[in-house]
Amino acid sequence: MNMELLDDMASLGAKVREARKLRGLLQADVAELASVRRQVVGELERGVYKGSLRQTLDILRAMGLRLSIEPARFPTLDELSDE
């Protein structure tokens, strides 16, 4: 999987599902590895999970994935004045 910007839960969920399937795991397998309920994995994959960041990180870690944070780039004043 290539690194790409994921800016919503649906995109994150789709990547988690893709990674799980590439590894040949069931949602129940991931849930057991991450010590969460299977429903949590399903909600995360569907982009509707509203639970804790800790459980999300546990799921990612169990699948050998990382969450990376980078600053958003805002236009400079010069760039804004050019418009």
C-alpha atoms as a PDB file:
ATOM      1  CA  MET A   1       0.000   0.000   0.000  1.00  0.00           C
ATOM      2  CA  ASN A   2       1.249   3.458  -0.859  1.00  0.00           C
ATOM      3  CA  MET A   3       1.131   6.315   1.617  1.00  0.00           C
ATOM      4  CA  GLU A   4      -1.647   8.716   0.793  1.00  0.00           C
ATOM      5  CA  LEU A   5      -3.641  11.419   2.486  1.00  0.00           C
ATOM      6  CA  LEU A   6      -6.643  10.029   4.316  1.00  0.00           C
ATOM      7  CA  ASP A   7      -8.774  12.903   5.499  1.00  0.00           C
ATOM      8  CA  ASP A   8     -11.982  11.194   6.571  1.00  0.00           C
ATOM      9  CA  MET A   9     -13.114   8.069   8.400  1.00  0.00           C
ATOM     10  CA  ALA A  10     -14.454   6.429   5.235  1.00  0.00           C
ATOM     11  CA  SER A  11     -11.017   6.622   3.577  1.00  0.00           C
ATOM     12  CA  LEU A  12      -9.304   5.276   6.686  1.00  0.00           C
ATOM     13  CA  GLY A  13     -11.841   2.462   6.919  1.00  0.00           C
ATOM     14  CA  ALA A  14     -11.362   1.500   3.278  1.00  0.00           C
ATOM     15  CA  LYS A  15      -7.584   1.283   3.785  1.00  0.00           C
ATOM     16  CA  VAL A  16      -8.011  -0.819   6.931  1.00  0.00           C
ATOM     17  CA  ARG A  17     -10.326  -3.203   5.051  1.00  0.00           C
ATOM     18  CA  GLU A  18      -7.889  -3.402   2.138  1.00  0.00           C
ATOM     19  CA  ALA A  19      -4.971  -4.180   4.467  1.00  0.00           C
ATOM     20  CA  ARG A  20      -6.972  -6.806   6.339  1.00  0.00           C
ATOM     21  CA  LYS A  21      -7.984  -8.597   3.164  1.00  0.00           C
ATOM     22  CA  LEU A  22      -4.424  -8.477   1.795  1.00  0.00           C
ATOM     23  CA  ARG A  23      -3.321 -10.266   4.965  1.00  0.00           C
ATOM     24  CA  GLY A  24      -6.080 -12.862   4.611  1.00  0.00           C
ATOM     25  CA  LEU A  25      -7.632 -11.938   7.949  1.00  0.00           C
ATOM     26  CA  LEU A  26     -11.254 -11.883   9.004  1.00  0.00           C
ATOM     27  CA  GLN A  27     -12.667  -9.033  11.050  1.00  0.00           C
ATOM     28  CA  ALA A  28     -12.872 -11.485  13.958  1.00  0.00           C
ATOM     29  CA  ASP A  29      -9.145 -12.234  13.587  1.00  0.00           C
ATOM     30  CA  VAL A  30      -8.241  -8.558  13.766  1.00  0.00           C
ATOM     31  CA  ALA A  31     -10.588  -8.026  16.698  1.00  0.00           C
ATOM     32  CA  GLU A  32      -8.920 -10.825  18.624  1.00  0.00           C
ATOM     33  CA  LEU A  33      -5.429  -9.526  17.842  1.00  0.00           C
ATOM     34  CA  ALA A  34      -6.417  -6.002  18.933  1.00  0.00           C
ATOM     35  CA  SER A  35      -8.521  -7.108  21.940  1.00  0.00           C
ATOM     36  CA  VAL A  36     -11.624  -5.302  20.665  1.00  0.00           C
ATOM     37  CA  ARG A  37     -15.084  -6.483  19.651  1.00  0.00           C
ATOM     38  CA  ARG A  38     -15.535  -7.550  16.021  1.00  0.00           C
ATOM     39  CA  GLN A  39     -18.232  -4.877  15.657  1.00  0.00           C
ATOM     40  CA  VAL A  40     -15.583  -2.207  16.328  1.00  0.00           C
ATOM     41  CA  VAL A  41     -13.501  -3.461  13.403  1.00  0.00           C
ATOM     42  CA  GLY A  42     -16.583  -3.493  11.162  1.00  0.00           C
ATOM     43  CA  GLU A  43     -17.589   0.037  12.160  1.00  0.00           C
ATOM     44  CA  LEU A  44     -14.043   1.283  11.555  1.00  0.00           C
ATOM     45  CA  GLU A  45     -13.973  -0.330   8.107  1.00  0.00           C
ATOM     46  CA  ARG A  46     -17.343   1.216   7.216  1.00  0.00           C
ATOM     47  CA  GLY A  47     -16.156   4.654   8.340  1.00  0.00           C
ATOM     48  CA  VAL A  48     -18.823   4.999  11.012  1.00  0.00           C
ATOM     49  CA  TYR A  49     -16.761   4.220  14.131  1.00  0.00           C
ATOM     50  CA  LYS A  50     -17.120   6.954  16.741  1.00  0.00           C
ATOM     51  CA  GLY A  51     -15.256   5.237  19.555  1.00  0.00           C
ATOM     52  CA  SER A  52     -11.853   5.793  21.015  1.00  0.00           C
ATOM     53  CA  LEU A  53      -8.673   6.656  19.208  1.00  0.00           C
ATOM     54  CA  ARG A  54      -6.961   4.088  21.455  1.00  0.00           C
ATOM     55  CA  GLN A  55      -9.019   1.242  19.972  1.00  0.00           C
ATOM     56  CA  THR A  56      -8.370   2.545  16.463  1.00  0.00           C
ATOM     57  CA  LEU A  57      -4.635   2.551  17.158  1.00  0.00           C
ATOM     58  CA  ASP A  58      -4.868  -0.941  18.689  1.00  0.00           C
ATOM     59  CA  ILE A  59      -6.492  -2.208  15.483  1.00  0.00           C
ATOM     60  CA  LEU A  60      -3.901  -0.522  13.267  1.00  0.00           C
ATOM     61  CA  ARG A  61      -1.039  -1.856  15.404  1.00  0.00           C
ATOM     62  CA  ALA A  62      -2.478  -5.390  15.351  1.00  0.00           C
ATOM     63  CA  MET A  63      -2.451  -5.242  11.552  1.00  0.00           C
ATOM     64  CA  GLY A  64       1.072  -3.837  11.308  1.00  0.00           C
ATOM     65  CA  LEU A  65      -0.139  -0.383  10.258  1.00  0.00           C
ATOM     66  CA  ARG A  66       0.825   3.048  11.565  1.00  0.00           C
ATOM     67  CA  LEU A  67      -1.006   6.323  11.803  1.00  0.00           C
ATOM     68  CA  SER A  68       1.089   9.303  10.778  1.00  0.00           C
ATOM     69  CA  ILE A  69       0.317  12.956  11.395  1.00  0.00           C
ATOM     70  CA  GLU A  70       1.641  15.844   9.362  1.00  0.00           C
ATOM     71  CA  PRO A  71       0.846  19.547   9.477  1.00  0.00           C
ATOM     72  CA  ALA A  72      -1.649  20.901   7.000  1.00  0.00           C
ATOM     73  CA  ARG A  73      -0.140  23.363   4.576  1.00  0.00           C
ATOM     74  CA  PHE A  74      -1.816  26.730   4.496  1.00  0.00           C
ATOM     75  CA  PRO A  75      -1.169  29.315   1.759  1.00  0.00           C
ATOM     76  CA  THR A  76       1.290  32.092   2.569  1.00  0.00           C
ATOM     77  CA  LEU A  77       0.236  35.729   2.510  1.00  0.00           C
ATOM     78  CA  ASP A  78       2.112  36.170  -0.772  1.00  0.00           C
ATOM     79  CA  GLU A  79       0.195  33.299  -2.324  1.00  0.00           C
ATOM     80  CA  LEU A  80      -3.089  34.745  -1.138  1.00  0.00           C
ATOM     81  CA  SER A  81      -2.304  38.190  -2.530  1.00  0.00           C
ATOM     82  CA  ASP A  82      -1.485  36.710  -5.973  1.00  0.00           C
ATOM     83  CA  GLU A  83      -5.082  35.567  -6.442  1.00  0.00           C
END
